[in-house]
């Protein structure tokens, strides 16, 4: 599943995503990292894989122990990424 999502994430590189509280951001993919535009943080493919254990998500609470939870939520719950998978 992570490989399918990773391909979708790469396809959406540079597009605008919306955080749960309305903040907009984009990202670039470098190797196995997602570099976020509104922060100095990056999210690894491994972190994204861990976040998948909690989808579908209603909010960011289950992701709080992971790096950049609001960004993870925005990416994973976006229709361009999740399609009809969950």
PDB file of N, CA and C in Angstrom:
ATOM      1  N   UNK A   1       0.815  -1.199   0.000  1.00  0.00           N
ATOM      2  CA  UNK A   1       0.000   0.000   0.000  1.00  0.00           C
ATOM      3  C   UNK A   1       0.862   1.268   0.000  1.00  0.00           C
ATOM      4  N   UNK A   2       1.956   1.269   0.755  1.00  0.00           N
ATOM      5  CA  UNK A   2       2.790   2.463   0.830  1.00  0.00           C
ATOM      6  C   UNK A   2       3.362   2.825  -0.531  1.00  0.00           C
ATOM      7  N   UNK A   3       3.707   1.838  -1.337  1.00  0.00           N
ATOM      8  CA  UNK A   3       4.284   2.136  -2.657  1.00  0.00           C
ATOM      9  C   UNK A   3       3.270   2.822  -3.567  1.00  0.00           C
ATOM     10  N   UNK A   4       2.021   2.379  -3.523  1.00  0.00           N
ATOM     11  CA  UNK A   4       0.958   3.007  -4.316  1.00  0.00           C
ATOM     12  C   UNK A   4       0.764   4.453  -3.870  1.00  0.00           C
ATOM     13  N   UNK A   5       0.686   4.660  -2.555  1.00  0.00           N
ATOM     14  CA  UNK A   5       0.511   6.014  -2.036  1.00  0.00           C
ATOM     15  C   UNK A   5       1.719   6.887  -2.343  1.00  0.00           C
ATOM     16  N   UNK A   6       2.899   6.330  -2.237  1.00  0.00           N
ATOM     17  CA  UNK A   6       4.109   7.106  -2.506  1.00  0.00           C
ATOM     18  C   UNK A   6       4.119   7.607  -3.945  1.00  0.00           C
ATOM     19  N   UNK A   7       3.680   6.781  -4.872  1.00  0.00           N
ATOM     20  CA  UNK A   7       3.592   7.206  -6.279  1.00  0.00           C
ATOM     21  C   UNK A   7       2.595   8.347  -6.430  1.00  0.00           C
ATOM     22  N   UNK A   8       1.456   8.255  -5.759  1.00  0.00           N
ATOM     23  CA  UNK A   8       0.457   9.327  -5.804  1.00  0.00           C
ATOM     24  C   UNK A   8       1.027  10.611  -5.201  1.00  0.00           C
ATOM     25  N   UNK A   9       1.753  10.467  -4.107  1.00  0.00           N
ATOM     26  CA  UNK A   9       2.363  11.629  -3.457  1.00  0.00           C
ATOM     27  C   UNK A   9       3.352  12.297  -4.411  1.00  0.00           C
ATOM     28  N   UNK A  10       4.150  11.503  -5.103  1.00  0.00           N
ATOM     29  CA  UNK A  10       5.106  12.066  -6.067  1.00  0.00           C
ATOM     30  C   UNK A  10       4.370  12.765  -7.214  1.00  0.00           C
ATOM     31  N   UNK A  11       3.264  12.186  -7.663  1.00  0.00           N
ATOM     32  CA  UNK A  11       2.483  12.784  -8.749  1.00  0.00           C
ATOM     33  C   UNK A  11       1.890  14.139  -8.345  1.00  0.00           C
ATOM     34  N   UNK A  12       1.619  14.342  -7.068  1.00  0.00           N
ATOM     35  CA  UNK A  12       0.997  15.579  -6.580  1.00  0.00           C
ATOM     36  C   UNK A  12       2.009  16.597  -6.065  1.00  0.00           C
ATOM     37  N   UNK A  13       3.278  16.317  -6.253  1.00  0.00           N
ATOM     38  CA  UNK A  13       4.340  17.226  -5.814  1.00  0.00           C
ATOM     39  C   UNK A  13       4.093  18.626  -6.372  1.00  0.00           C
ATOM     40  N   UNK A  14       4.214  19.640  -5.497  1.00  0.00           N
ATOM     41  CA  UNK A  14       4.041  21.027  -5.912  1.00  0.00           C
ATOM     42  C   UNK A  14       2.604  21.532  -5.873  1.00  0.00           C
ATOM     43  N   UNK A  15       1.640  20.634  -5.725  1.00  0.00           N
ATOM     44  CA  UNK A  15       0.241  21.051  -5.636  1.00  0.00           C
ATOM     45  C   UNK A  15      -0.061  21.543  -4.227  1.00  0.00           C
ATOM     46  N   UNK A  16      -1.143  22.301  -4.095  1.00  0.00           N
ATOM     47  CA  UNK A  16      -1.519  22.866  -2.802  1.00  0.00           C
ATOM     48  C   UNK A  16      -2.396  21.878  -2.040  1.00  0.00           C
ATOM     49  N   UNK A  17      -2.040  21.680  -0.767  1.00  0.00           N
ATOM     50  CA  UNK A  17      -2.804  20.835   0.149  1.00  0.00           C
ATOM     51  C   UNK A  17      -3.318  21.712   1.276  1.00  0.00           C
ATOM     52  N   UNK A  18      -4.367  21.254   1.939  1.00  0.00           N
ATOM     53  CA  UNK A  18      -5.022  22.029   2.979  1.00  0.00           C
ATOM     54  C   UNK A  18      -4.986  21.288   4.304  1.00  0.00           C
ATOM     55  N   UNK A  19      -4.421  21.961   5.327  1.00  0.00           N
ATOM     56  CA  UNK A  19      -4.402  21.378   6.662  1.00  0.00           C
ATOM     57  C   UNK A  19      -5.797  21.457   7.283  1.00  0.00           C
ATOM     58  N   UNK A  20      -5.999  20.710   8.348  1.00  0.00           N
ATOM     59  CA  UNK A  20      -7.304  20.613   8.988  1.00  0.00           C
ATOM     60  C   UNK A  20      -7.819  21.980   9.470  1.00  0.00           C
ATOM     61  N   UNK A  21      -6.895  22.881   9.839  1.00  0.00           N
ATOM     62  CA  UNK A  21      -7.298  24.219  10.294  1.00  0.00           C
ATOM     63  C   UNK A  21      -7.206  25.270   9.192  1.00  0.00           C
ATOM     64  N   UNK A  22      -7.031  24.822   7.956  1.00  0.00           N
ATOM     65  CA  UNK A  22      -7.093  25.731   6.820  1.00  0.00           C
ATOM     66  C   UNK A  22      -5.783  26.215   6.245  1.00  0.00           C
ATOM     67  N   UNK A  23      -4.658  25.877   6.867  1.00  0.00           N
ATOM     68  CA  UNK A  23      -3.370  26.297   6.327  1.00  0.00           C
ATOM     69  C   UNK A  23      -3.055  25.594   5.018  1.00  0.00           C
ATOM     70  N   UNK A  24      -2.526  26.336   4.066  1.00  0.00           N
ATOM     71  CA  UNK A  24      -2.157  25.768   2.772  1.00  0.00           C
ATOM     72  C   UNK A  24      -0.659  25.508   2.722  1.00  0.00           C
ATOM     73  N   UNK A  25      -0.291  24.441   2.060  1.00  0.00           N
ATOM     74  CA  UNK A  25       1.123  24.118   1.883  1.00  0.00           C
ATOM     75  C   UNK A  25       1.289  23.278   0.635  1.00  0.00           C
ATOM     76  N   UNK A  26       2.514  23.173   0.196  1.00  0.00           N
ATOM     77  CA  UNK A  26       2.867  22.245  -0.881  1.00  0.00           C
ATOM     78  C   UNK A  26       4.113  21.501  -0.409  1.00  0.00           C
ATOM     79  N   UNK A  27       4.619  20.629  -1.242  1.00  0.00           N
ATOM     80  CA  UNK A  27       5.809  19.869  -0.859  1.00  0.00           C
ATOM     81  C   UNK A  27       6.572  19.448  -2.096  1.00  0.00           C
ATOM     82  N   UNK A  28       7.816  19.076  -1.867  1.00  0.00           N
ATOM     83  CA  UNK A  28       8.607  18.437  -2.906  1.00  0.00           C
ATOM     84  C   UNK A  28       9.107  17.114  -2.344  1.00  0.00           C
ATOM     85  N   UNK A  29       9.293  16.152  -3.213  1.00  0.00           N
ATOM     86  CA  UNK A  29       9.781  14.835  -2.804  1.00  0.00           C
ATOM     87  C   UNK A  29      11.248  14.736  -3.200  1.00  0.00           C
ATOM     88  N   UNK A  30      12.070  14.410  -2.213  1.00  0.00           N
ATOM     89  CA  UNK A  30      13.508  14.197  -2.460  1.00  0.00           C
ATOM     90  C   UNK A  30      13.859  12.840  -1.885  1.00  0.00           C
ATOM     91  N   UNK A  31      14.075  11.877  -2.747  1.00  0.00           N
ATOM     92  CA  UNK A  31      14.374  10.516  -2.294  1.00  0.00           C
ATOM     93  C   UNK A  31      13.190   9.960  -1.525  1.00  0.00           C
ATOM     94  N   UNK A  32      13.406   9.609  -0.262  1.00  0.00           N
ATOM     95  CA  UNK A  32      12.340   9.082   0.586  1.00  0.00           C
ATOM     96  C   UNK A  32      11.839  10.120   1.583  1.00  0.00           C
ATOM     97  N   UNK A  33      11.990  11.399   1.232  1.00  0.00           N
ATOM     98  CA  UNK A  33      11.543  12.481   2.107  1.00  0.00           C
ATOM     99  C   UNK A  33      10.556  13.395   1.394  1.00  0.00           C
ATOM    100  N   UNK A  34       9.569  13.864   2.148  1.00  0.00           N
ATOM    101  CA  UNK A  34       8.662  14.902   1.679  1.00  0.00           C
ATOM    102  C   UNK A  34       9.103  16.180   2.381  1.00  0.00           C
ATOM    103  N   UNK A  35       9.561  17.168   1.620  1.00  0.00           N
ATOM    104  CA  UNK A  35       9.981  18.449   2.187  1.00  0.00           C
ATOM    105  C   UNK A  35       8.801  19.410   2.109  1.00  0.00           C
ATOM    106  N   UNK A  36       8.355  19.863   3.272  1.00  0.00           N
ATOM    107  CA  UNK A  36       7.156  20.687   3.390  1.00  0.00           C
ATOM    108  C   UNK A  36       7.475  22.166   3.180  1.00  0.00           C
ATOM    109  N   UNK A  37       6.560  22.886   2.544  1.00  0.00           N
ATOM    110  CA  UNK A  37       6.829  24.275   2.170  1.00  0.00           C
ATOM    111  C   UNK A  37       6.661  25.276   3.307  1.00  0.00           C
ATOM    112  N   UNK A  38       5.816  25.022   4.281  1.00  0.00           N
ATOM    113  CA  UNK A  38       5.525  26.013   5.312  1.00  0.00           C
ATOM    114  C   UNK A  38       6.314  25.822   6.603  1.00  0.00           C
ATOM    115  N   UNK A  39       7.190  24.875   6.608  1.00  0.00           N
ATOM    116  CA  UNK A  39       7.970  24.577   7.800  1.00  0.00           C
ATOM    117  C   UNK A  39       9.311  24.007   7.374  1.00  0.00           C
ATOM    118  N   UNK A  40      10.251  23.970   8.277  1.00  0.00           N
ATOM    119  CA  UNK A  40      11.550  23.359   7.988  1.00  0.00           C
ATOM    120  C   UNK A  40      11.513  21.848   8.151  1.00  0.00           C
ATOM    121  N   UNK A  41      10.368  21.315   8.441  1.00  0.00           N
ATOM    122  CA  UNK A  41      10.252  19.878   8.673  1.00  0.00           C
ATOM    123  C   UNK A  41      10.143  19.092   7.371  1.00  0.00           C
ATOM    124  N   UNK A  42      10.553  17.855   7.489  1.00  0.00           N
ATOM    125  CA  UNK A  42      10.375  16.885   6.402  1.00  0.00           C
ATOM    126  C   UNK A  42       9.684  15.672   6.998  1.00  0.00           C
ATOM    127  N   UNK A  43       8.999  14.941   6.148  1.00  0.00           N
ATOM    128  CA  UNK A  43       8.332  13.714   6.570  1.00  0.00           C
ATOM    129  C   UNK A  43       8.916  12.574   5.755  1.00  0.00           C
ATOM    130  N   UNK A  44       9.352  11.534   6.429  1.00  0.00           N
ATOM    131  CA  UNK A  44       9.941  10.400   5.725  1.00  0.00           C
ATOM    132  C   UNK A  44       8.851   9.438   5.243  1.00  0.00           C
ATOM    133  N   UNK A  45       9.217   8.664   4.268  1.00  0.00           N
ATOM    134  CA  UNK A  45       8.320   7.626   3.764  1.00  0.00           C
ATOM    135  C   UNK A  45       7.966   6.658   4.892  1.00  0.00           C
ATOM    136  N   UNK A  46       8.919   6.369   5.761  1.00  0.00           N
ATOM    137  CA  UNK A  46       8.698   5.469   6.897  1.00  0.00           C
ATOM    138  C   UNK A  46       7.649   6.050   7.855  1.00  0.00           C
ATOM    139  N   UNK A  47       7.712   7.347   8.128  1.00  0.00           N
ATOM    140  CA  UNK A  47       6.726   7.999   8.987  1.00  0.00           C
ATOM    141  C   UNK A  47       5.348   7.926   8.354  1.00  0.00           C
ATOM    142  N   UNK A  48       5.293   8.149   7.070  1.00  0.00           N
ATOM    143  CA  UNK A  48       4.031   8.058   6.346  1.00  0.00           C
ATOM    144  C   UNK A  48       3.449   6.648   6.457  1.00  0.00           C
ATOM    145  N   UNK A  49       4.316   5.664   6.356  1.00  0.00           N
ATOM    146  CA  UNK A  49       3.885   4.273   6.485  1.00  0.00           C
ATOM    147  C   UNK A  49       3.310   3.997   7.879  1.00  0.00           C
ATOM    148  N   UNK A  50       3.926   4.552   8.911  1.00  0.00           N
ATOM    149  CA  UNK A  50       3.402   4.409  10.276  1.00  0.00           C
ATOM    150  C   UNK A  50       2.040   5.078  10.408  1.00  0.00           C
ATOM    151  N   UNK A  51       1.886   6.239   9.783  1.00  0.00           N
ATOM    152  CA  UNK A  51       0.612   6.973   9.840  1.00  0.00           C
ATOM    153  C   UNK A  51      -0.513   6.197   9.179  1.00  0.00           C
ATOM    154  N   UNK A  52      -0.181   5.379   8.207  1.00  0.00           N
ATOM    155  CA  UNK A  52      -1.201   4.579   7.510  1.00  0.00           C
ATOM    156  C   UNK A  52      -1.941   3.626   8.442  1.00  0.00           C
ATOM    157  N   UNK A  53      -1.318   3.272   9.552  1.00  0.00           N
ATOM    158  CA  UNK A  53      -1.955   2.371  10.507  1.00  0.00           C
ATOM    159  C   UNK A  53      -3.222   2.983  11.106  1.00  0.00           C
ATOM    160  N   UNK A  54      -3.358   4.303  11.020  1.00  0.00           N
ATOM    161  CA  UNK A  54      -4.463   4.997  11.671  1.00  0.00           C
ATOM    162  C   UNK A  54      -5.558   5.470  10.719  1.00  0.00           C
ATOM    163  N   UNK A  55      -5.375   5.295   9.434  1.00  0.00           N
ATOM    164  CA  UNK A  55      -6.385   5.780   8.487  1.00  0.00           C
ATOM    165  C   UNK A  55      -7.552   4.803   8.390  1.00  0.00           C
ATOM    166  N   UNK A  56      -8.763   5.312   8.122  1.00  0.00           N
ATOM    167  CA  UNK A  56      -9.101   6.709   7.887  1.00  0.00           C
ATOM    168  C   UNK A  56      -9.070   7.522   9.174  1.00  0.00           C
ATOM    169  N   UNK A  57      -8.836   8.824   9.019  1.00  0.00           N
ATOM    170  CA  UNK A  57      -8.691   9.734  10.158  1.00  0.00           C
ATOM    171  C   UNK A  57      -9.810  10.769  10.186  1.00  0.00           C
ATOM    172  N   UNK A  58     -10.263  11.099  11.389  1.00  0.00           N
ATOM    173  CA  UNK A  58     -11.222  12.193  11.564  1.00  0.00           C
ATOM    174  C   UNK A  58     -10.500  13.469  11.981  1.00  0.00           C
ATOM    175  N   UNK A  59      -9.335  13.324  12.597  1.00  0.00           N
ATOM    176  CA  UNK A  59      -8.549  14.461  13.064  1.00  0.00           C
ATOM    177  C   UNK A  59      -7.093  14.017  13.209  1.00  0.00           C
ATOM    178  N   UNK A  60      -6.266  14.902  13.747  1.00  0.00           N
ATOM    179  CA  UNK A  60      -4.829  14.616  13.846  1.00  0.00           C
ATOM    180  C   UNK A  60      -4.431  13.907  15.136  1.00  0.00           C
ATOM    181  N   UNK A  61      -5.361  13.707  16.055  1.00  0.00           N
ATOM    182  CA  UNK A  61      -5.035  13.143  17.370  1.00  0.00           C
ATOM    183  C   UNK A  61      -4.250  11.823  17.279  1.00  0.00           C
ATOM    184  N   UNK A  62      -4.662  10.856  16.465  1.00  0.00           N
ATOM    185  CA  UNK A  62      -3.902   9.596  16.422  1.00  0.00           C
ATOM    186  C   UNK A  62      -2.468   9.748  15.903  1.00  0.00           C
ATOM    187  N   UNK A  63      -2.186  10.866  15.260  1.00  0.00           N
ATOM    188  CA  UNK A  63      -0.873  11.076  14.648  1.00  0.00           C
ATOM    189  C   UNK A  63       0.063  11.922  15.497  1.00  0.00           C
ATOM    190  N   UNK A  64      -0.359  12.325  16.667  1.00  0.00           N
ATOM    191  CA  UNK A  64       0.411  13.280  17.467  1.00  0.00           C
ATOM    192  C   UNK A  64       1.812  12.795  17.837  1.00  0.00           C
ATOM    193  N   UNK A  65       2.030  11.495  17.897  1.00  0.00           N
ATOM    194  CA  UNK A  65       3.361  10.985  18.243  1.00  0.00           C
ATOM    195  C   UNK A  65       4.295  10.957  17.031  1.00  0.00           C
ATOM    196  N   UNK A  66       3.773  11.298  15.851  1.00  0.00           N
ATOM    197  CA  UNK A  66       4.577  11.291  14.627  1.00  0.00           C
ATOM    198  C   UNK A  66       4.989  12.708  14.247  1.00  0.00           C
ATOM    199  N   UNK A  67       5.998  12.816  13.411  1.00  0.00           N
ATOM    200  CA  UNK A  67       6.480  14.096  12.903  1.00  0.00           C
ATOM    201  C   UNK A  67       5.405  14.768  12.042  1.00  0.00           C
ATOM    202  N   UNK A  68       5.129  16.044  12.272  1.00  0.00           N
ATOM    203  CA  UNK A  68       4.258  16.876  11.440  1.00  0.00           C
ATOM    204  C   UNK A  68       2.846  16.284  11.249  1.00  0.00           C
ATOM    205  N   UNK A  69       2.126  16.031  12.335  1.00  0.00           N
ATOM    206  CA  UNK A  69       0.826  15.362  12.231  1.00  0.00           C
ATOM    207  C   UNK A  69      -0.207  16.073  11.355  1.00  0.00           C
ATOM    208  N   UNK A  70      -0.244  17.391  11.407  1.00  0.00           N
ATOM    209  CA  UNK A  70      -1.255  18.088  10.595  1.00  0.00           C
ATOM    210  C   UNK A  70      -0.954  17.970   9.102  1.00  0.00           C
ATOM    211  N   UNK A  71       0.316  17.878   8.758  1.00  0.00           N
ATOM    212  CA  UNK A  71       0.698  17.700   7.362  1.00  0.00           C
ATOM    213  C   UNK A  71       0.415  16.267   6.907  1.00  0.00           C
ATOM    214  N   UNK A  72       0.704  15.316   7.772  1.00  0.00           N
ATOM    215  CA  UNK A  72       0.387  13.913   7.461  1.00  0.00           C
ATOM    216  C   UNK A  72      -1.109  13.745   7.211  1.00  0.00           C
ATOM    217  N   UNK A  73      -1.904  14.326   8.098  1.00  0.00           N
ATOM    218  CA  UNK A  73      -3.353  14.250   7.947  1.00  0.00           C
ATOM    219  C   UNK A  73      -3.777  14.840   6.598  1.00  0.00           C
ATOM    220  N   UNK A  74      -3.272  16.030   6.307  1.00  0.00           N
ATOM    221  CA  UNK A  74      -3.660  16.710   5.069  1.00  0.00           C
ATOM    222  C   UNK A  74      -3.307  15.892   3.833  1.00  0.00           C
ATOM    223  N   UNK A  75      -2.154  15.279   3.838  1.00  0.00           N
ATOM    224  CA  UNK A  75      -1.730  14.486   2.684  1.00  0.00           C
ATOM    225  C   UNK A  75      -2.526  13.194   2.592  1.00  0.00           C
ATOM    226  N   UNK A  76      -2.589  12.454   3.687  1.00  0.00           N
ATOM    227  CA  UNK A  76      -3.236  11.130   3.648  1.00  0.00           C
ATOM    228  C   UNK A  76      -4.741  11.192   3.414  1.00  0.00           C
ATOM    229  N   UNK A  77      -5.401  12.228   3.898  1.00  0.00           N
ATOM    230  CA  UNK A  77      -6.850  12.293   3.757  1.00  0.00           C
ATOM    231  C   UNK A  77      -7.295  13.064   2.519  1.00  0.00           C
ATOM    232  N   UNK A  78      -6.362  13.583   1.750  1.00  0.00           N
ATOM    233  CA  UNK A  78      -6.690  14.290   0.520  1.00  0.00           C
ATOM    234  C   UNK A  78      -7.172  13.291  -0.535  1.00  0.00           C
ATOM    235  N   UNK A  79      -8.211  13.656  -1.258  1.00  0.00           N
ATOM    236  CA  UNK A  79      -8.801  12.757  -2.265  1.00  0.00           C
ATOM    237  C   UNK A  79      -7.817  12.389  -3.370  1.00  0.00           C
ATOM    238  N   UNK A  80      -6.868  13.269  -3.658  1.00  0.00           N
ATOM    239  CA  UNK A  80      -5.876  12.959  -4.693  1.00  0.00           C
ATOM    240  C   UNK A  80      -4.955  11.825  -4.266  1.00  0.00           C
ATOM    241  N   UNK A  81      -4.749  11.681  -2.973  1.00  0.00           N
ATOM    242  CA  UNK A  81      -3.852  10.654  -2.461  1.00  0.00           C
ATOM    243  C   UNK A  81      -4.612   9.387  -2.092  1.00  0.00           C
ATOM    244  N   UNK A  82      -5.685   9.530  -1.357  1.00  0.00           N
ATOM    245  CA  UNK A  82      -6.399   8.337  -0.875  1.00  0.00           C
ATOM    246  C   UNK A  82      -7.292   7.699  -1.917  1.00  0.00           C
ATOM    247  N   UNK A  83      -7.692   8.495  -2.929  1.00  0.00           N
ATOM    248  CA  UNK A  83      -8.615   8.009  -3.971  1.00  0.00           C
ATOM    249  C   UNK A  83      -9.816   7.379  -3.275  1.00  0.00           C
ATOM    250  N   UNK A  84     -10.108   6.113  -3.548  1.00  0.00           N
ATOM    251  CA  UNK A  84     -11.216   5.416  -2.878  1.00  0.00           C
ATOM    252  C   UNK A  84     -10.703   4.305  -1.972  1.00  0.00           C
ATOM    253  N   UNK A  85      -9.460   4.431  -1.521  1.00  0.00           N
ATOM    254  CA  UNK A  85      -8.848   3.372  -0.721  1.00  0.00           C
ATOM    255  C   UNK A  85      -9.409   3.276   0.694  1.00  0.00           C
ATOM    256  N   UNK A  86      -9.873   4.386   1.256  1.00  0.00           N
ATOM    257  CA  UNK A  86     -10.481   4.382   2.591  1.00  0.00           C
ATOM    258  C   UNK A  86     -11.418   5.550   2.741  1.00  0.00           C
TER     259      UNK A  86
END
